[in-house]
Structures are given as structure tokens and as C-alpha cells.
Amino acid sequence: MSNLSARLNDFKTLWHLLISRIDGQTHAERLNSFYEGQAAGYDQFRKRLLHGRCELFESLPVPENGVWVDLGAGTGENAELWGNRLQQFQRAYLVDLCQPLLDVCSQRISERGWSHIKAVCDDATTFAPPESHVDLITFSYSLTMIPDWFQAANHAWDLLRPGGILGIVDFYVARKYPQADLRAHAWIQRNLWPVWFAGDNVFLNPDHLPYLLDRFQVISLAENQGSLPFLPLLKVPYYILIAQKPV
């Protein structure tokens, strides 16, 4: 992509992020309204916004002949992050409620010839694969966009087999008084970022991480901060969690 095309794509994305109105009565309608005009350039812009995705997928184990479900998969770019290891899965489901993003996902699957991967338009809180249980579930910057996030986390628990792996990377803010082994955030972070992101229906919640840590058995957790496109001096907190459903 040329520099001019990249800049035009950034401008278009920023327009939808900062100015364009989000319409719709349902969660799916609001997602379609928000992403329809920016789906084609989604990946390019968010590579500079959504930190930690490569680190998550490089660290996740790949169960041989296992089943992977990506909840809130968007354009399906996460599948690219496995590299050659993607072929070790028997089946993968890339699930999202946003049809414009799934159209990009379906095109990616077709172009790559991934016959064992399926794009599915469905709700992360109710998606039911043909398999009774799956081996791995990921949420990549999607849990903060799911209104019933706790229900999505509980549903992931139900879908995972005993010993199954959960991988999450997402924005977050700490509780005012976090537990001793978690990072504390300054007042400005705890109050600025939820308001900043809420305009795009991304809801940073101080209870996300504590709930997940209480429900699942932690394998690894990293709490970091990443810069924003065009605003390099501002840092937004994000975490990378790999956890397990107890056997």
C-alpha cells in the first residue's frame, strides 16, 4: 500500500472512530454501523493500536488436532498470527457478530485456502460449535466490546474441555484498590480511558481481569501499556492473559 493510500485509510478510519455516528437498536446493528465504512482498512490501522496480539499467539500452545474458537474474530487476522502452526488445528471457528468484518474474514479464508477454518456470524455468548467441547478459546480485543462480557467469559468456560486454554489480550483499567499482585493505575488512567473508548462502544471495566483470574487457573499474565496512533505520548493499559480451565 502506498503512503498516500495508507494516509487516506487512516483518515477514513479516524473519521469513523471520532466523528461518524453509530446507529442501531441491537449490538449487531451497532457493530455493522461502526465497521461498515472501515472494514477494508481495519487491519492496517489497528496494528498500531491493538498491542500484544503477536505476543499472545506466539505464547499460546497449539493442541495437535485440536479445535480453536476465536470469539470476536473480526477480519480473521488472528489466524495469520499462528504462522505455520495454524495447520496443526483440526478445526477453527472465527466468530463475530459484525458482518462487514466477517466478509473480510471469509475472503481471507478463501484466499489462503484454509479449508479447516470457518467464519461464523454469531454471538460470543451463545455460539455453539458442532463439537461438544473445544481445546482453545481466544478473545483478542473483543471482550471489552461485548455488552454481556461476563456471560461471554462464562460461555467460554462452558465450551472449553477440562484443561482447555483461554487466551485474552485486551484494554483494561485497574480497580481503585487492586489486589496485591496486580498493577495499580493512576486516577487519570482509571477515569480517562473508560470515557475515551466508550464513544466507540468499547467498555474498559475494572472487573474484567479480577473476574477472569477468579474463574480460571492462571498460566501467565502480563500487564503493559501501549501507545495510540498519532498520540504516542499517551499510554493505554492492556493485559495478556493465558489461563486454563481446571481439569
Protein backbone atom coordinates (compact mmCIF):
# COMPACT_ATOMS: atom_id res chain seq x y z
CA MET A 1 0.00 0.00 0.00
CA SER A 2 1.38 3.43 -0.98
CA ASN A 3 1.93 6.17 1.60
CA LEU A 4 -0.96 8.16 0.12
CA SER A 5 -3.31 5.18 0.29
CA ALA A 6 -2.22 4.45 3.85
CA ARG A 7 -2.89 8.04 4.91
CA LEU A 8 -6.29 8.06 3.25
CA ASN A 9 -7.12 4.80 5.01
CA ASP A 10 -6.05 6.29 8.35
CA PHE A 11 -8.19 9.38 7.76
CA LYS A 12 -11.20 7.24 6.89
CA THR A 13 -10.71 5.11 9.99
CA LEU A 14 -10.28 8.14 12.23
CA TRP A 15 -13.47 9.61 10.80
CA HIS A 16 -15.41 6.54 11.88
CA LEU A 17 -13.66 6.41 15.25
CA LEU A 18 -14.09 10.06 16.18
CA ILE A 19 -16.91 11.58 14.15
CA SER A 20 -19.19 9.11 12.40
CA ARG A 21 -22.37 8.31 14.29
CA ILE A 22 -23.07 4.74 15.42
CA ASP A 23 -26.66 3.68 14.74
CA GLY A 24 -28.67 0.57 15.54
CA GLN A 25 -31.06 -0.92 18.07
CA THR A 26 -29.13 -4.15 18.62
CA HIS A 27 -25.48 -4.88 19.33
CA ALA A 28 -25.07 -6.44 15.88
CA GLU A 29 -26.61 -3.42 14.15
CA ARG A 30 -24.32 -1.05 16.04
CA LEU A 31 -21.27 -3.11 15.11
CA ASN A 32 -22.27 -3.14 11.44
CA SER A 33 -22.86 0.62 11.52
CA PHE A 34 -19.47 1.30 13.11
CA TYR A 35 -17.32 -1.01 10.97
CA GLU A 36 -19.03 -0.99 7.58
CA GLY A 37 -17.09 2.00 6.31
CA GLN A 38 -13.72 0.95 7.72
CA ALA A 39 -13.65 -2.84 7.37
CA ALA A 40 -11.28 -2.83 4.38
CA GLY A 41 -8.65 -0.82 6.25
CA TYR A 42 -9.32 -2.31 9.66
CA ASP A 43 -6.13 -4.34 9.99
CA GLN A 44 -3.66 -1.67 8.91
CA PHE A 45 -4.80 0.94 11.43
CA ARG A 46 -5.25 -1.39 14.38
CA LYS A 47 -1.78 -2.89 14.12
CA ARG A 48 -0.65 0.34 15.79
CA LEU A 49 -3.47 0.34 18.32
CA LEU A 50 -4.01 -3.26 19.44
CA HIS A 51 -0.78 -4.18 21.17
CA GLY A 52 0.20 -7.63 22.44
CA ARG A 53 -1.62 -9.79 19.89
CA CYS A 54 1.55 -11.24 18.39
CA GLU A 55 2.93 -11.95 21.86
CA LEU A 56 -0.28 -13.75 22.85
CA PHE A 57 -0.38 -16.04 19.83
CA GLU A 58 3.34 -16.74 19.97
CA SER A 59 2.91 -17.88 23.58
CA LEU A 60 -0.24 -19.97 23.17
CA PRO A 61 0.14 -23.74 22.82
CA VAL A 62 -1.34 -25.41 19.75
CA PRO A 63 -3.11 -28.67 20.65
CA GLU A 64 -2.44 -31.23 17.93
CA ASN A 65 -5.67 -31.86 16.00
CA GLY A 66 -7.40 -29.54 18.44
CA VAL A 67 -10.30 -27.13 17.96
CA TRP A 68 -9.78 -23.39 18.28
CA VAL A 69 -12.54 -20.78 18.65
CA ASP A 70 -11.76 -17.08 18.26
CA LEU A 71 -14.64 -15.09 19.78
CA GLY A 72 -14.87 -11.61 18.30
CA ALA A 73 -12.58 -12.61 15.45
CA GLY A 74 -13.23 -9.58 13.25
CA THR A 75 -11.34 -9.83 9.97
CA GLY A 76 -9.68 -13.11 10.93
CA GLU A 77 -6.20 -11.59 11.10
CA ASN A 78 -5.52 -13.51 14.30
CA ALA A 79 -5.36 -16.70 12.26
CA GLU A 80 -2.36 -15.24 10.42
CA LEU A 81 -0.51 -14.85 13.72
CA TRP A 82 -0.19 -18.63 14.13
CA GLY A 83 2.03 -18.87 11.06
CA ASN A 84 2.59 -22.48 10.01
CA ARG A 85 1.23 -23.71 13.34
CA LEU A 86 -2.29 -22.94 12.10
CA GLN A 87 -2.25 -26.19 10.16
CA GLN A 88 -1.98 -28.19 13.40
CA PHE A 89 -5.60 -27.46 14.27
CA GLN A 90 -8.24 -29.92 13.15
CA ARG A 91 -10.86 -27.18 13.02
CA ALA A 92 -11.11 -23.46 13.84
CA TYR A 93 -14.12 -21.16 14.11
CA LEU A 94 -13.69 -17.41 13.68
CA VAL A 95 -16.81 -15.97 15.30
CA ASP A 96 -18.10 -12.40 15.11
CA LEU A 97 -21.43 -10.55 15.02
CA CYS A 98 -20.19 -7.90 12.58
CA GLN A 99 -20.91 -8.94 9.00
CA PRO A 100 -18.67 -6.33 7.29
CA LEU A 101 -15.65 -7.62 9.22
CA LEU A 102 -16.66 -11.24 8.60
CA ASP A 103 -16.83 -10.54 4.88
CA VAL A 104 -13.14 -9.63 5.04
CA CYS A 105 -12.54 -12.74 7.16
CA SER A 106 -14.28 -15.02 4.65
CA GLN A 107 -12.27 -13.54 1.81
CA ARG A 108 -9.05 -14.14 3.76
CA ILE A 109 -10.00 -17.78 4.41
CA SER A 110 -10.79 -18.31 0.72
CA GLU A 111 -7.58 -16.67 -0.49
CA ARG A 112 -5.41 -18.66 1.93
CA GLY A 113 -7.13 -21.94 1.17
CA TRP A 114 -7.85 -22.64 4.83
CA SER A 115 -10.33 -25.46 4.37
CA HIS A 116 -10.36 -26.30 8.09
CA ILE A 117 -11.32 -22.78 9.18
CA LYS A 118 -14.83 -21.35 9.13
CA ALA A 119 -16.08 -17.78 9.55
CA VAL A 120 -19.26 -17.72 11.63
CA CYS A 121 -21.67 -14.84 12.20
CA ASP A 122 -22.82 -15.49 15.75
CA ASP A 123 -22.91 -14.12 19.28
CA ALA A 124 -19.93 -14.84 21.55
CA THR A 125 -22.32 -15.53 24.42
CA THR A 126 -24.29 -18.25 22.61
CA PHE A 127 -22.12 -19.70 19.81
CA ALA A 128 -22.41 -23.48 19.74
CA PRO A 129 -19.88 -25.38 17.62
CA PRO A 130 -20.65 -28.94 16.44
CA GLU A 131 -18.05 -30.25 18.88
CA SER A 132 -19.21 -30.74 22.46
CA HIS A 133 -16.05 -29.08 23.78
CA VAL A 134 -13.09 -27.18 22.31
CA ASP A 135 -9.42 -27.02 23.19
CA LEU A 136 -8.64 -23.32 22.89
CA ILE A 137 -10.65 -20.08 23.02
CA THR A 138 -9.28 -16.60 22.38
CA PHE A 139 -10.62 -13.08 22.84
CA SER A 140 -8.44 -10.51 21.08
CA TYR A 141 -9.65 -7.02 21.97
CA SER A 142 -13.20 -8.29 21.85
CA LEU A 143 -14.22 -8.82 25.48
CA THR A 144 -14.40 -5.05 26.02
CA MET A 145 -16.81 -4.83 23.06
CA ILE A 146 -19.25 -7.49 24.29
CA PRO A 147 -22.05 -5.94 26.39
CA ASP A 148 -22.57 -9.12 28.44
CA TRP A 149 -18.84 -9.72 28.85
CA PHE A 150 -19.29 -11.86 31.98
CA GLN A 151 -21.70 -14.09 30.06
CA ALA A 152 -19.12 -14.41 27.26
CA ALA A 153 -16.48 -15.42 29.80
CA ASN A 154 -18.85 -17.95 31.37
CA HIS A 155 -19.74 -19.31 27.94
CA ALA A 156 -16.06 -19.75 27.14
CA TRP A 157 -15.77 -21.77 30.35
CA ASP A 158 -18.66 -23.98 29.26
CA LEU A 159 -17.22 -24.52 25.76
CA LEU A 160 -13.72 -25.43 26.94
CA ARG A 161 -12.86 -29.00 27.78
CA PRO A 162 -11.28 -29.60 31.21
CA GLY A 163 -7.69 -28.47 30.81
CA GLY A 164 -8.62 -26.29 27.82
CA ILE A 165 -6.80 -23.00 27.31
CA LEU A 166 -8.14 -19.44 27.32
CA GLY A 167 -6.09 -16.65 25.75
CA ILE A 168 -7.05 -12.97 26.07
CA VAL A 169 -5.45 -9.67 25.13
CA ASP A 170 -7.44 -6.50 25.73
CA PHE A 171 -7.56 -3.00 27.13
CA TYR A 172 -8.44 -2.60 30.78
CA VAL A 173 -8.26 -0.34 33.80
CA ALA A 174 -7.39 -1.42 37.31
CA ARG A 175 -9.68 -1.22 40.27
CA LYS A 176 -9.06 1.73 42.58
CA TYR A 177 -7.61 -0.74 45.08
CA PRO A 178 -6.38 -3.75 43.07
CA GLN A 179 -5.34 -6.95 44.74
CA ALA A 180 -1.71 -7.07 45.80
CA ASP A 181 -0.37 -8.97 42.76
CA LEU A 182 -2.00 -6.67 40.17
CA ARG A 183 -0.87 -3.27 38.93
CA ALA A 184 -2.42 -0.04 40.14
CA HIS A 185 -3.34 2.73 37.69
CA ALA A 186 -3.30 6.45 38.30
CA TRP A 187 -6.58 8.33 38.75
CA ILE A 188 -6.33 9.86 35.29
CA GLN A 189 -5.96 6.42 33.66
CA ARG A 190 -8.85 4.91 35.59
CA ASN A 191 -11.14 7.77 34.64
CA LEU A 192 -9.92 8.93 31.22
CA TRP A 193 -9.76 5.68 29.28
CA PRO A 194 -13.27 4.33 30.01
CA VAL A 195 -14.75 7.63 28.79
CA TRP A 196 -12.36 7.84 25.82
CA PHE A 197 -13.22 4.40 24.47
CA ALA A 198 -16.92 4.35 25.40
CA GLY A 199 -17.75 6.62 22.46
CA ASP A 200 -16.88 3.69 20.18
CA ASN A 201 -18.77 1.21 22.38
CA VAL A 202 -15.55 -0.21 23.82
CA PHE A 203 -16.05 -0.52 27.57
CA LEU A 204 -12.99 -0.81 29.80
CA ASN A 205 -14.07 -2.40 33.04
CA PRO A 206 -12.02 -2.74 36.24
CA ASP A 207 -13.79 -6.04 36.97
CA HIS A 208 -12.77 -7.85 33.76
CA LEU A 209 -9.38 -9.06 34.87
CA PRO A 210 -10.27 -9.90 38.51
CA TYR A 211 -13.26 -11.94 37.33
CA LEU A 212 -11.18 -13.92 34.85
CA LEU A 213 -8.46 -14.55 37.44
CA ASP A 214 -11.07 -15.82 39.86
CA ARG A 215 -12.75 -18.11 37.33
CA PHE A 216 -9.75 -19.60 35.50
CA GLN A 217 -6.40 -21.01 36.57
CA VAL A 218 -3.67 -18.57 35.52
CA ILE A 219 -0.77 -19.79 33.41
CA SER A 220 0.71 -16.37 32.65
CA LEU A 221 -0.30 -12.73 32.95
CA ALA A 222 1.39 -9.61 31.63
CA GLU A 223 0.13 -6.09 32.33
CA ASN A 224 1.51 -3.48 29.94
CA GLN A 225 0.82 -0.10 28.35
CA GLY A 226 0.75 0.77 24.65
CA SER A 227 0.74 3.96 22.63
CA LEU A 228 -2.12 5.23 20.46
CA PRO A 229 -1.82 6.09 16.74
CA PHE A 230 -0.94 9.79 16.31
CA LEU A 231 -0.82 10.19 20.13
CA PRO A 232 2.46 8.48 21.09
CA LEU A 233 2.75 10.25 24.44
CA LEU A 234 -0.49 8.71 25.70
CA LYS A 235 -0.32 5.15 27.01
CA VAL A 236 -3.34 2.90 27.41
CA PRO A 237 -3.16 -0.18 29.68
CA TYR A 238 -3.64 -3.66 28.24
CA TYR A 239 -3.13 -7.17 29.52
CA ILE A 240 -2.18 -10.54 28.05
CA LEU A 241 -3.68 -13.50 29.88
CA ILE A 242 -3.20 -17.19 29.28
CA ALA A 243 -5.31 -19.32 31.61
CA GLN A 244 -6.72 -22.81 31.88
CA LYS A 245 -9.99 -24.43 32.82
CA PRO A 246 -9.07 -26.72 35.72
CA VAL A 247 -9.01 -30.43 34.98
